[in-house]
Amino acid sequence: SPPPDGEARPATVAAWPGHSAEGARQVEALQRQGQALQLRVAAERQCVTREQHITARMWLEKSRAEEAAAEHAARAEELQGVIAQWEAWHASQRRQQRQRRQMLLQGKTSEGAVSWRAGAGSSPPDRLVASLCTDVLGLAGAGSLPDDSRARLADLLIQAADIVRERPRDAAQVRPPGL
């Protein structure tokens, strides 16, 4: 009987009693073929193991990327909400400013604030000057300005009135840049 695996094999099978030289060559060829097949099986197992590791790594990277994408999408949605709030606030501020300006130019006031500052029976120009002094310059009124500053304010208001009277040549002059 042939020796069990792991033990040394004789150089030729012909040394075993009852075997021919041709049979020994066939057995040796089969042994070499068996060893080659074992090497191929081991190589295939290594390839399969390597492919499994690569696939596992790819799935891990994919799941991490999906988690990061979900986090980024949530952050982007949150930031879009903040931007929408800022845009709404900015629009309300512009709307309020436009309303205040129209009320001052038309001589109407909201809640009597400007009339209170300028005096109840004052004219629209008086209220406008009072509003400018109080809201923009932080003064109690035009009377608290020195004479040269009051003259400069009067000149600027005349120039501003001239600008308001002019019709804009095109829409680019009416809208601020970027709007």
C-alpha atoms as a PDB file:
ATOM      1  CA  SER A   1       0.000   0.000   0.000  1.00  0.00           C
ATOM      2  CA  PRO A   2       1.226   3.569  -0.647  1.00  0.00           C
ATOM      3  CA  PRO A   3       2.553   5.550   2.310  1.00  0.00           C
ATOM      4  CA  PRO A   4       0.060   7.981   4.016  1.00  0.00           C
ATOM      5  CA  ASP A   5       0.199  11.723   3.228  1.00  0.00           C
ATOM      6  CA  GLY A   6       2.920  13.635   4.972  1.00  0.00           C
ATOM      7  CA  GLU A   7       5.419  10.785   4.824  1.00  0.00           C
ATOM      8  CA  ALA A   8       8.280  10.583   2.384  1.00  0.00           C
ATOM      9  CA  ARG A   9       7.416   8.841  -0.861  1.00  0.00           C
ATOM     10  CA  PRO A  10       9.851   6.582  -2.599  1.00  0.00           C
ATOM     11  CA  ALA A  11      11.532   8.031  -5.690  1.00  0.00           C
ATOM     12  CA  THR A  12       9.762   5.587  -7.909  1.00  0.00           C
ATOM     13  CA  VAL A  13       6.735   3.521  -7.384  1.00  0.00           C
ATOM     14  CA  ALA A  14       8.547   0.612  -9.002  1.00  0.00           C
ATOM     15  CA  ALA A  15      10.166  -0.065  -5.672  1.00  0.00           C
ATOM     16  CA  TRP A  16       6.856  -1.373  -4.409  1.00  0.00           C
ATOM     17  CA  PRO A  17       6.472  -5.015  -5.016  1.00  0.00           C
ATOM     18  CA  GLY A  18       4.051  -6.026  -7.752  1.00  0.00           C
ATOM     19  CA  HIS A  19       4.096  -2.796  -9.806  1.00  0.00           C
ATOM     20  CA  SER A  20       5.454  -2.287 -13.265  1.00  0.00           C
ATOM     21  CA  ALA A  21       7.636   0.623 -14.461  1.00  0.00           C
ATOM     22  CA  GLU A  22       4.834   1.889 -16.714  1.00  0.00           C
ATOM     23  CA  GLY A  23       2.406   1.901 -13.820  1.00  0.00           C
ATOM     24  CA  ALA A  24       4.984   3.712 -11.718  1.00  0.00           C
ATOM     25  CA  ARG A  25       5.296   6.486 -14.311  1.00  0.00           C
ATOM     26  CA  GLN A  26       1.546   6.849 -14.444  1.00  0.00           C
ATOM     27  CA  VAL A  27       1.368   7.070 -10.689  1.00  0.00           C
ATOM     28  CA  GLU A  28       4.134   9.683 -10.640  1.00  0.00           C
ATOM     29  CA  ALA A  29       2.378  11.667 -13.338  1.00  0.00           C
ATOM     30  CA  LEU A  30      -0.844  11.479 -11.371  1.00  0.00           C
ATOM     31  CA  GLN A  31       0.985  12.582  -8.223  1.00  0.00           C
ATOM     32  CA  ARG A  32       2.489  15.577 -10.041  1.00  0.00           C
ATOM     33  CA  GLN A  33      -0.905  16.378 -11.512  1.00  0.00           C
ATOM     34  CA  GLY A  34      -2.446  16.086  -8.025  1.00  0.00           C
ATOM     35  CA  GLN A  35       0.170  18.425  -6.562  1.00  0.00           C
ATOM     36  CA  ALA A  36      -0.392  20.903  -9.396  1.00  0.00           C
ATOM     37  CA  LEU A  37      -4.124  20.747  -8.754  1.00  0.00           C
ATOM     38  CA  GLN A  38      -3.560  21.279  -5.032  1.00  0.00           C
ATOM     39  CA  LEU A  39      -1.447  24.355  -5.828  1.00  0.00           C
ATOM     40  CA  ARG A  40      -4.121  25.649  -8.176  1.00  0.00           C
ATOM     41  CA  VAL A  41      -6.809  25.092  -5.529  1.00  0.00           C
ATOM     42  CA  ALA A  42      -4.702  26.930  -2.942  1.00  0.00           C
ATOM     43  CA  ALA A  43      -4.120  29.807  -5.390  1.00  0.00           C
ATOM     44  CA  GLU A  44      -7.830  29.936  -6.186  1.00  0.00           C
ATOM     45  CA  ARG A  45      -8.659  30.045  -2.473  1.00  0.00           C
ATOM     46  CA  GLN A  46      -6.228  32.939  -2.029  1.00  0.00           C
ATOM     47  CA  CYS A  47      -7.839  34.778  -4.945  1.00  0.00           C
ATOM     48  CA  VAL A  48     -11.319  34.174  -3.549  1.00  0.00           C
ATOM     49  CA  THR A  49     -10.217  35.355  -0.097  1.00  0.00           C
ATOM     50  CA  ARG A  50      -8.569  38.450  -1.600  1.00  0.00           C
ATOM     51  CA  GLU A  51     -11.705  39.226  -3.635  1.00  0.00           C
ATOM     52  CA  GLN A  52     -13.855  38.799  -0.526  1.00  0.00           C
ATOM     53  CA  HIS A  53     -11.649  41.246   1.375  1.00  0.00           C
ATOM     54  CA  ILE A  54     -11.782  43.737  -1.503  1.00  0.00           C
ATOM     55  CA  THR A  55     -15.560  43.392  -1.747  1.00  0.00           C
ATOM     56  CA  ALA A  56     -15.960  43.813   2.018  1.00  0.00           C
ATOM     57  CA  ARG A  57     -13.764  46.933   1.931  1.00  0.00           C
ATOM     58  CA  MET A  58     -15.764  48.351  -0.974  1.00  0.00           C
ATOM     59  CA  TRP A  59     -19.065  47.779   0.856  1.00  0.00           C
ATOM     60  CA  LEU A  60     -17.626  49.384   3.974  1.00  0.00           C
ATOM     61  CA  GLU A  61     -16.471  52.435   2.001  1.00  0.00           C
ATOM     62  CA  LYS A  62     -19.830  52.606   0.223  1.00  0.00           C
ATOM     63  CA  SER A  63     -21.774  52.541   3.499  1.00  0.00           C
ATOM     64  CA  ARG A  64     -19.493  55.223   4.969  1.00  0.00           C
ATOM     65  CA  ALA A  65     -19.957  57.382   1.872  1.00  0.00           C
ATOM     66  CA  GLU A  66     -23.736  56.943   2.047  1.00  0.00           C
ATOM     67  CA  GLU A  67     -23.735  57.938   5.727  1.00  0.00           C
ATOM     68  CA  ALA A  68     -21.596  60.990   4.954  1.00  0.00           C
ATOM     69  CA  ALA A  69     -23.881  61.912   2.050  1.00  0.00           C
ATOM     70  CA  ALA A  70     -26.925  61.655   4.319  1.00  0.00           C
ATOM     71  CA  GLU A  71     -25.228  63.853   6.933  1.00  0.00           C
ATOM     72  CA  HIS A  72     -24.252  66.403   4.269  1.00  0.00           C
ATOM     73  CA  ALA A  73     -27.778  66.398   2.843  1.00  0.00           C
ATOM     74  CA  ALA A  74     -29.227  67.019   6.316  1.00  0.00           C
ATOM     75  CA  ARG A  75     -26.747  69.863   6.896  1.00  0.00           C
ATOM     76  CA  ALA A  76     -27.556  71.354   3.480  1.00  0.00           C
ATOM     77  CA  GLU A  77     -31.276  71.203   4.266  1.00  0.00           C
ATOM     78  CA  GLU A  78     -30.646  72.893   7.603  1.00  0.00           C
ATOM     79  CA  LEU A  79     -28.600  75.626   5.931  1.00  0.00           C
ATOM     80  CA  GLN A  80     -31.283  76.127   3.290  1.00  0.00           C
ATOM     81  CA  GLY A  81     -33.757  76.701   6.105  1.00  0.00           C
ATOM     82  CA  VAL A  82     -31.432  79.277   7.662  1.00  0.00           C
ATOM     83  CA  ILE A  83     -30.991  80.981   4.286  1.00  0.00           C
ATOM     84  CA  ALA A  84     -34.767  81.054   3.787  1.00  0.00           C
ATOM     85  CA  GLN A  85     -35.162  82.664   7.209  1.00  0.00           C
ATOM     86  CA  TRP A  86     -32.511  85.274   6.397  1.00  0.00           C
ATOM     87  CA  GLU A  87     -34.121  86.003   3.034  1.00  0.00           C
ATOM     88  CA  ALA A  88     -37.527  86.372   4.663  1.00  0.00           C
ATOM     89  CA  TRP A  89     -36.078  88.686   7.314  1.00  0.00           C
ATOM     90  CA  HIS A  90     -34.264  90.733   4.685  1.00  0.00           C
ATOM     91  CA  ALA A  91     -37.406  91.004   2.550  1.00  0.00           C
ATOM     92  CA  SER A  92     -39.448  92.104   5.571  1.00  0.00           C
ATOM     93  CA  GLN A  93     -36.814  94.717   6.416  1.00  0.00           C
ATOM     94  CA  ARG A  94     -36.874  96.057   2.863  1.00  0.00           C
ATOM     95  CA  ARG A  95     -40.664  96.064   2.872  1.00  0.00           C
ATOM     96  CA  GLN A  96     -40.778  97.932   6.194  1.00  0.00           C
ATOM     97  CA  GLN A  97     -38.188 100.421   5.001  1.00  0.00           C
ATOM     98  CA  ARG A  98     -40.126 100.986   1.778  1.00  0.00           C
ATOM     99  CA  GLN A  99     -43.350 101.485   3.760  1.00  0.00           C
ATOM    100  CA  ARG A 100     -41.668 103.940   6.138  1.00  0.00           C
ATOM    101  CA  ARG A 101     -40.223 105.874   3.222  1.00  0.00           C
ATOM    102  CA  GLN A 102     -43.613 106.035   1.465  1.00  0.00           C
ATOM    103  CA  MET A 103     -45.346 107.134   4.644  1.00  0.00           C
ATOM    104  CA  LEU A 104     -42.802 109.866   5.218  1.00  0.00           C
ATOM    105  CA  LEU A 105     -43.045 111.092   1.632  1.00  0.00           C
ATOM    106  CA  GLN A 106     -46.852 111.006   1.702  1.00  0.00           C
ATOM    107  CA  GLY A 107     -46.984 112.678   5.076  1.00  0.00           C
ATOM    108  CA  LYS A 108     -48.454 109.654   6.844  1.00  0.00           C
ATOM    109  CA  THR A 109     -46.894 108.104   9.911  1.00  0.00           C
ATOM    110  CA  SER A 110     -47.165 104.748  11.575  1.00  0.00           C
ATOM    111  CA  GLU A 111     -48.330 104.938  15.180  1.00  0.00           C
ATOM    112  CA  GLY A 112     -47.518 108.612  15.240  1.00  0.00           C
ATOM    113  CA  ALA A 113     -43.831 107.989  15.936  1.00  0.00           C
ATOM    114  CA  VAL A 114     -42.492 110.596  13.543  1.00  0.00           C
ATOM    115  CA  SER A 115     -45.268 113.057  14.447  1.00  0.00           C
ATOM    116  CA  TRP A 116     -44.352 112.643  18.089  1.00  0.00           C
ATOM    117  CA  ARG A 117     -40.695 113.413  17.288  1.00  0.00           C
ATOM    118  CA  ALA A 118     -41.436 116.380  15.043  1.00  0.00           C
ATOM    119  CA  GLY A 119     -44.552 117.639  16.746  1.00  0.00           C
ATOM    120  CA  ALA A 120     -48.178 116.703  16.073  1.00  0.00           C
ATOM    121  CA  GLY A 121     -49.016 119.405  13.569  1.00  0.00           C
ATOM    122  CA  SER A 122     -45.766 119.408  11.593  1.00  0.00           C
ATOM    123  CA  SER A 123     -45.514 119.136   7.818  1.00  0.00           C
ATOM    124  CA  PRO A 124     -44.136 116.104   5.938  1.00  0.00           C
ATOM    125  CA  PRO A 125     -40.730 117.781   5.328  1.00  0.00           C
ATOM    126  CA  ASP A 126     -40.445 118.554   9.051  1.00  0.00           C
ATOM    127  CA  ARG A 127     -41.264 114.954   9.879  1.00  0.00           C
ATOM    128  CA  LEU A 128     -38.733 113.716   7.328  1.00  0.00           C
ATOM    129  CA  VAL A 129     -35.987 115.887   8.815  1.00  0.00           C
ATOM    130  CA  ALA A 130     -36.972 114.796  12.327  1.00  0.00           C
ATOM    131  CA  SER A 131     -36.875 111.151  11.280  1.00  0.00           C
ATOM    132  CA  LEU A 132     -33.475 111.556   9.604  1.00  0.00           C
ATOM    133  CA  CYS A 133     -32.041 113.298  12.632  1.00  0.00           C
ATOM    134  CA  THR A 134     -33.442 110.743  15.078  1.00  0.00           C
ATOM    135  CA  ASP A 135     -33.165 107.470  13.161  1.00  0.00           C
ATOM    136  CA  VAL A 136     -30.056 108.070  11.050  1.00  0.00           C
ATOM    137  CA  LEU A 137     -27.980 110.627  12.918  1.00  0.00           C
ATOM    138  CA  GLY A 138     -29.049 109.734  16.450  1.00  0.00           C
ATOM    139  CA  LEU A 139     -29.896 113.349  17.344  1.00  0.00           C
ATOM    140  CA  ALA A 140     -32.890 114.812  19.135  1.00  0.00           C
ATOM    141  CA  GLY A 141     -33.683 116.960  16.108  1.00  0.00           C
ATOM    142  CA  ALA A 142     -32.314 119.364  13.498  1.00  0.00           C
ATOM    143  CA  GLY A 143     -32.122 122.108  16.103  1.00  0.00           C
ATOM    144  CA  SER A 144     -29.360 120.260  17.917  1.00  0.00           C
ATOM    145  CA  LEU A 145     -27.118 120.477  14.825  1.00  0.00           C
ATOM    146  CA  PRO A 146     -24.550 123.272  14.497  1.00  0.00           C
ATOM    147  CA  ASP A 147     -25.392 125.903  11.841  1.00  0.00           C
ATOM    148  CA  ASP A 148     -22.856 124.653   9.268  1.00  0.00           C
ATOM    149  CA  SER A 149     -24.070 121.029   9.665  1.00  0.00           C
ATOM    150  CA  ARG A 150     -27.680 122.153   9.344  1.00  0.00           C
ATOM    151  CA  ALA A 151     -26.811 124.037   6.122  1.00  0.00           C
ATOM    152  CA  ARG A 152     -24.995 120.964   4.771  1.00  0.00           C
ATOM    153  CA  LEU A 153     -28.017 118.768   5.634  1.00  0.00           C
ATOM    154  CA  ALA A 154     -30.312 121.207   3.824  1.00  0.00           C
ATOM    155  CA  ASP A 155     -28.091 121.102   0.714  1.00  0.00           C
ATOM    156  CA  LEU A 156     -28.048 117.307   0.779  1.00  0.00           C
ATOM    157  CA  LEU A 157     -31.824 117.134   1.135  1.00  0.00           C
ATOM    158  CA  ILE A 158     -32.248 119.462  -1.860  1.00  0.00           C
ATOM    159  CA  GLN A 159     -29.938 117.230  -3.904  1.00  0.00           C
ATOM    160  CA  ALA A 160     -31.832 114.138  -2.729  1.00  0.00           C
ATOM    161  CA  ALA A 161     -35.142 115.758  -3.729  1.00  0.00           C
ATOM    162  CA  ASP A 162     -33.723 116.429  -7.189  1.00  0.00           C
ATOM    163  CA  ILE A 163     -32.696 112.777  -7.504  1.00  0.00           C
ATOM    164  CA  VAL A 164     -36.167 111.630  -6.419  1.00  0.00           C
ATOM    165  CA  ARG A 165     -37.794 113.899  -9.011  1.00  0.00           C
ATOM    166  CA  GLU A 166     -35.684 112.494 -11.859  1.00  0.00           C
ATOM    167  CA  ARG A 167     -36.996 109.461 -13.655  1.00  0.00           C
ATOM    168  CA  PRO A 168     -34.551 106.548 -13.795  1.00  0.00           C
ATOM    169  CA  ARG A 169     -33.176 105.894 -17.282  1.00  0.00           C
ATOM    170  CA  ASP A 170     -33.305 102.140 -16.959  1.00  0.00           C
ATOM    171  CA  ALA A 171     -34.068  99.406 -14.446  1.00  0.00           C
ATOM    172  CA  ALA A 172     -30.386  99.020 -13.497  1.00  0.00           C
ATOM    173  CA  GLN A 173     -30.534 102.414 -11.801  1.00  0.00           C
ATOM    174  CA  VAL A 174     -33.540 101.417  -9.728  1.00  0.00           C
ATOM    175  CA  ARG A 175     -32.328  98.080  -8.363  1.00  0.00           C
ATOM    176  CA  PRO A 176     -29.235  97.570  -6.277  1.00  0.00           C
ATOM    177  CA  PRO A 177     -26.549  95.343  -7.803  1.00  0.00           C
ATOM    178  CA  GLY A 178     -27.243  91.644  -7.520  1.00  0.00           C
ATOM    179  CA  LEU A 179     -31.030  91.913  -7.396  1.00  0.00           C
END
